[in-house]
Structures are given as structure tokens and as C-alpha cells.
Amino acid sequence: MNDPVLANALSQIAETTQMHNRIAGIWVPTVESGQKMRQLGYQLITLSSDTRLLDAAARDFVNKFKS
């Protein structure tokens, strides 16, 4: 995450939800970004989406079939 304003906002969200005994949740596109969010205090982390997962699996299948 290269944007300091966004990084600060994400940190504030995680801190505020913890102060109010709530769970911070976020959608992330990669495992690496999910790990960063977990380090910030996010507890509900959705990785990718059904469409992206199906796309990645289909591409992997085709690439294996071609080789």
C-alpha cells in the first residue's frame, strides 16, 4: 500500500472498531494484502472473489493442458 492517506484511514478504521468491540472487515485482492490487513487488526478478510478464483483456476487448467 503506497498511499499514506489510505494506509492511515485503514489503520483508523481497525483501531476504531476494536475500541467499540466491533469486527473490522475488508475485501482484499491478494494474500499479501490480506496479511497486511490482519496485521492492522482486521478480523474479517475476504480474499478475492468467486469470479477471480474461477478465472485463475480456468487459466491454470488451460496452461497445464497446453504444456
Protein backbone atom coordinates (compact mmCIF):
# COMPACT_ATOMS: atom_id res chain seq x y z
CA MET A 1 0.00 0.00 0.00
CA ASN A 2 1.73 3.12 -1.23
CA ASP A 3 -0.88 5.74 -0.38
CA PRO A 4 -0.23 7.11 3.13
CA VAL A 5 -3.70 8.67 3.36
CA LEU A 6 -5.34 5.31 2.61
CA ALA A 7 -2.99 3.48 4.99
CA ASN A 8 -3.86 5.92 7.77
CA ALA A 9 -7.60 5.58 7.10
CA LEU A 10 -7.41 1.79 7.16
CA SER A 11 -5.49 1.89 10.45
CA GLN A 12 -8.03 4.27 11.99
CA ILE A 13 -10.91 2.02 10.92
CA ALA A 14 -9.29 -1.03 12.51
CA GLU A 15 -8.48 0.86 15.73
CA THR A 16 -11.95 2.38 16.00
CA THR A 17 -13.75 -0.93 15.51
CA GLN A 18 -11.56 -2.53 18.18
CA MET A 19 -12.28 0.32 20.61
CA HIS A 20 -16.02 -0.27 20.13
CA ASN A 21 -15.78 -4.08 20.34
CA ARG A 22 -16.68 -4.50 16.68
CA ILE A 23 -15.07 -6.55 13.94
CA ALA A 24 -13.29 -4.77 11.12
CA GLY A 25 -13.82 -6.41 7.73
CA ILE A 26 -12.29 -5.79 4.33
CA TRP A 27 -12.10 -7.27 0.84
CA VAL A 28 -8.56 -7.80 -0.47
CA PRO A 29 -7.31 -8.91 -3.89
CA THR A 30 -4.22 -10.85 -2.74
CA VAL A 31 -2.97 -12.95 0.14
CA GLU A 32 -0.20 -10.42 0.77
CA SER A 33 -2.63 -7.54 1.18
CA GLY A 34 -4.78 -9.74 3.41
CA GLN A 35 -1.82 -10.40 5.67
CA LYS A 36 -1.16 -6.66 5.92
CA MET A 37 -4.78 -6.02 6.87
CA ARG A 38 -4.64 -8.74 9.51
CA GLN A 39 -1.55 -7.05 10.97
CA LEU A 40 -3.54 -3.80 11.15
CA GLY A 41 -6.25 -5.57 13.15
CA TYR A 42 -8.83 -6.57 10.55
CA GLN A 43 -10.55 -9.80 11.54
CA LEU A 44 -12.94 -10.46 8.66
CA ILE A 45 -10.91 -10.64 5.47
CA THR A 46 -12.46 -11.74 2.19
CA LEU A 47 -9.84 -12.85 -0.30
CA SER A 48 -10.57 -12.27 -3.97
CA SER A 49 -13.98 -13.14 -5.41
CA ASP A 50 -15.72 -16.12 -6.98
CA THR A 51 -15.17 -14.72 -10.45
CA ARG A 52 -11.45 -14.16 -9.93
CA LEU A 53 -10.99 -17.59 -8.36
CA LEU A 54 -12.79 -19.30 -11.24
CA ASP A 55 -10.79 -17.27 -13.76
CA ALA A 56 -7.48 -18.22 -12.12
CA ALA A 57 -8.45 -21.89 -11.96
CA ALA A 58 -9.54 -21.91 -15.62
CA ARG A 59 -6.31 -20.22 -16.74
CA ASP A 60 -4.26 -22.71 -14.74
CA PHE A 61 -6.17 -25.61 -16.30
CA VAL A 62 -5.65 -24.29 -19.84
CA ASN A 63 -1.96 -23.62 -19.24
CA LYS A 64 -1.43 -27.15 -17.92
CA PHE A 65 -3.37 -28.61 -20.82
CA LYS A 66 -1.23 -26.71 -23.35
CA SER A 67 2.06 -27.96 -21.93
